[in-house]
C-alpha atoms as a PDB file:
ATOM      1  CA  UNK A   1       0.000   0.000   0.000  1.00  0.00           C
ATOM      2  CA  UNK A   2       1.437   3.349  -1.082  1.00  0.00           C
ATOM      3  CA  UNK A   3       0.551   6.436   0.940  1.00  0.00           C
ATOM      4  CA  UNK A   4       0.400   9.555  -1.200  1.00  0.00           C
ATOM      5  CA  UNK A   5       1.027  12.836   0.605  1.00  0.00           C
ATOM      6  CA  UNK A   6      -0.049  16.009  -1.167  1.00  0.00           C
ATOM      7  CA  UNK A   7       1.047  19.581  -0.593  1.00  0.00           C
ATOM      8  CA  UNK A   8      -2.445  20.449   0.637  1.00  0.00           C
ATOM      9  CA  UNK A   9      -2.342  17.671   3.233  1.00  0.00           C
ATOM     10  CA  UNK A  10       1.046  18.896   4.461  1.00  0.00           C
ATOM     11  CA  UNK A  11      -0.234  22.472   4.707  1.00  0.00           C
ATOM     12  CA  UNK A  12      -3.304  21.370   6.667  1.00  0.00           C
ATOM     13  CA  UNK A  13      -1.260  19.187   9.010  1.00  0.00           C
ATOM     14  CA  UNK A  14       1.270  21.990   9.459  1.00  0.00           C
ATOM     15  CA  UNK A  15      -1.461  24.472  10.308  1.00  0.00           C
ATOM     16  CA  UNK A  16      -3.131  22.153  12.808  1.00  0.00           C
ATOM     17  CA  UNK A  17       0.211  21.299  14.410  1.00  0.00           C
ATOM     18  CA  UNK A  18       1.116  24.980  14.704  1.00  0.00           C
ATOM     19  CA  UNK A  19      -2.248  25.720  16.303  1.00  0.00           C
ATOM     20  CA  UNK A  20      -1.680  22.923  18.811  1.00  0.00           C
ATOM     21  CA  UNK A  21       1.814  24.261  19.420  1.00  0.00           C
ATOM     22  CA  UNK A  22       0.269  27.598  20.392  1.00  0.00           C
ATOM     23  CA  UNK A  23      -2.855  26.303  22.175  1.00  0.00           C
ATOM     24  CA  UNK A  24      -1.066  23.887  24.512  1.00  0.00           C
ATOM     25  CA  UNK A  25       1.261  26.499  26.065  1.00  0.00           C
ATOM     26  CA  UNK A  26      -1.650  28.954  26.314  1.00  0.00           C
ATOM     27  CA  UNK A  27      -3.696  26.361  28.207  1.00  0.00           C
ATOM     28  CA  UNK A  28      -0.715  25.780  30.491  1.00  0.00           C
ATOM     29  CA  UNK A  29      -0.349  29.500  31.187  1.00  0.00           C
ATOM     30  CA  UNK A  30      -4.015  29.900  32.165  1.00  0.00           C
ATOM     31  CA  UNK A  31      -3.700  26.764  34.359  1.00  0.00           C
ATOM     32  CA  UNK A  32      -6.178  24.607  32.437  1.00  0.00           C
ATOM     33  CA  UNK A  33      -3.437  22.030  31.814  1.00  0.00           C
ATOM     34  CA  UNK A  34      -0.572  21.279  34.176  1.00  0.00           C
ATOM     35  CA  UNK A  35       2.821  22.466  32.967  1.00  0.00           C
ATOM     36  CA  UNK A  36       4.859  19.277  32.820  1.00  0.00           C
ATOM     37  CA  UNK A  37       8.110  18.597  31.026  1.00  0.00           C
ATOM     38  CA  UNK A  38       6.425  16.058  28.737  1.00  0.00           C
ATOM     39  CA  UNK A  39       3.587  18.408  27.789  1.00  0.00           C
ATOM     40  CA  UNK A  40       6.030  21.253  27.137  1.00  0.00           C
ATOM     41  CA  UNK A  41       8.134  18.955  24.946  1.00  0.00           C
ATOM     42  CA  UNK A  42       5.021  17.824  23.025  1.00  0.00           C
ATOM     43  CA  UNK A  43       3.966  21.447  22.454  1.00  0.00           C
ATOM     44  CA  UNK A  44       7.456  22.283  21.189  1.00  0.00           C
ATOM     45  CA  UNK A  45       7.387  19.223  18.930  1.00  0.00           C
ATOM     46  CA  UNK A  46       4.050  20.295  17.452  1.00  0.00           C
ATOM     47  CA  UNK A  47       5.436  23.763  16.756  1.00  0.00           C
ATOM     48  CA  UNK A  48       8.554  22.472  15.034  1.00  0.00           C
ATOM     49  CA  UNK A  49       6.721  19.755  13.086  1.00  0.00           C
ATOM     50  CA  UNK A  50       4.064  22.235  11.989  1.00  0.00           C
ATOM     51  CA  UNK A  51       6.664  24.705  10.800  1.00  0.00           C
ATOM     52  CA  UNK A  52       8.607  22.072   8.867  1.00  0.00           C
ATOM     53  CA  UNK A  53       5.535  20.455   7.284  1.00  0.00           C
ATOM     54  CA  UNK A  54       4.078  23.842   6.401  1.00  0.00           C
ATOM     55  CA  UNK A  55       7.288  24.965   4.728  1.00  0.00           C
ATOM     56  CA  UNK A  56       7.562  21.725   2.753  1.00  0.00           C
ATOM     57  CA  UNK A  57       3.916  22.105   1.699  1.00  0.00           C
ATOM     58  CA  UNK A  58       4.552  25.648   0.500  1.00  0.00           C
ATOM     59  CA  UNK A  59       7.653  24.565  -1.409  1.00  0.00           C
ATOM     60  CA  UNK A  60       5.748  21.709  -3.070  1.00  0.00           C
ATOM     61  CA  UNK A  61       3.003  24.165  -4.038  1.00  0.00           C
ATOM     62  CA  UNK A  62       5.314  26.852  -5.464  1.00  0.00           C
ATOM     63  CA  UNK A  63       7.963  24.685  -7.119  1.00  0.00           C
ATOM     64  CA  UNK A  64       5.986  23.547 -10.212  1.00  0.00           C
ATOM     65  CA  UNK A  65       5.129  27.188 -10.916  1.00  0.00           C
ATOM     66  CA  UNK A  66       8.803  28.164 -10.670  1.00  0.00           C
ATOM     67  CA  UNK A  67       9.810  25.377 -13.050  1.00  0.00           C
ATOM     68  CA  UNK A  68       7.155  26.522 -15.509  1.00  0.00           C
ATOM     69  CA  UNK A  69       8.401  30.126 -15.347  1.00  0.00           C
ATOM     70  CA  UNK A  70      12.020  29.053 -15.843  1.00  0.00           C
ATOM     71  CA  UNK A  71      11.145  27.000 -18.915  1.00  0.00           C
ATOM     72  CA  UNK A  72       9.197  29.998 -20.265  1.00  0.00           C
ATOM     73  CA  UNK A  73      12.272  32.241 -19.953  1.00  0.00           C
ATOM     74  CA  UNK A  74      14.585  29.595 -21.465  1.00  0.00           C
ATOM     75  CA  UNK A  75      12.567  29.524 -24.698  1.00  0.00           C
END
């Protein structure tokens, strides 16, 4: 079974992960969640993973357009 990941899926996952990376620390600051080392590490991981996946999704979205523009100028 081959799993196909699209740029849109990466952008959505990146956005959700970034939101979790912001929401978890906010909930810890307002004392809804306890501030533990594990929960802080998970929030940091969501932030980093969201940033990386979002950037890869943007690159995958923009790259075909850049290749098309380059071939247009080469002609």
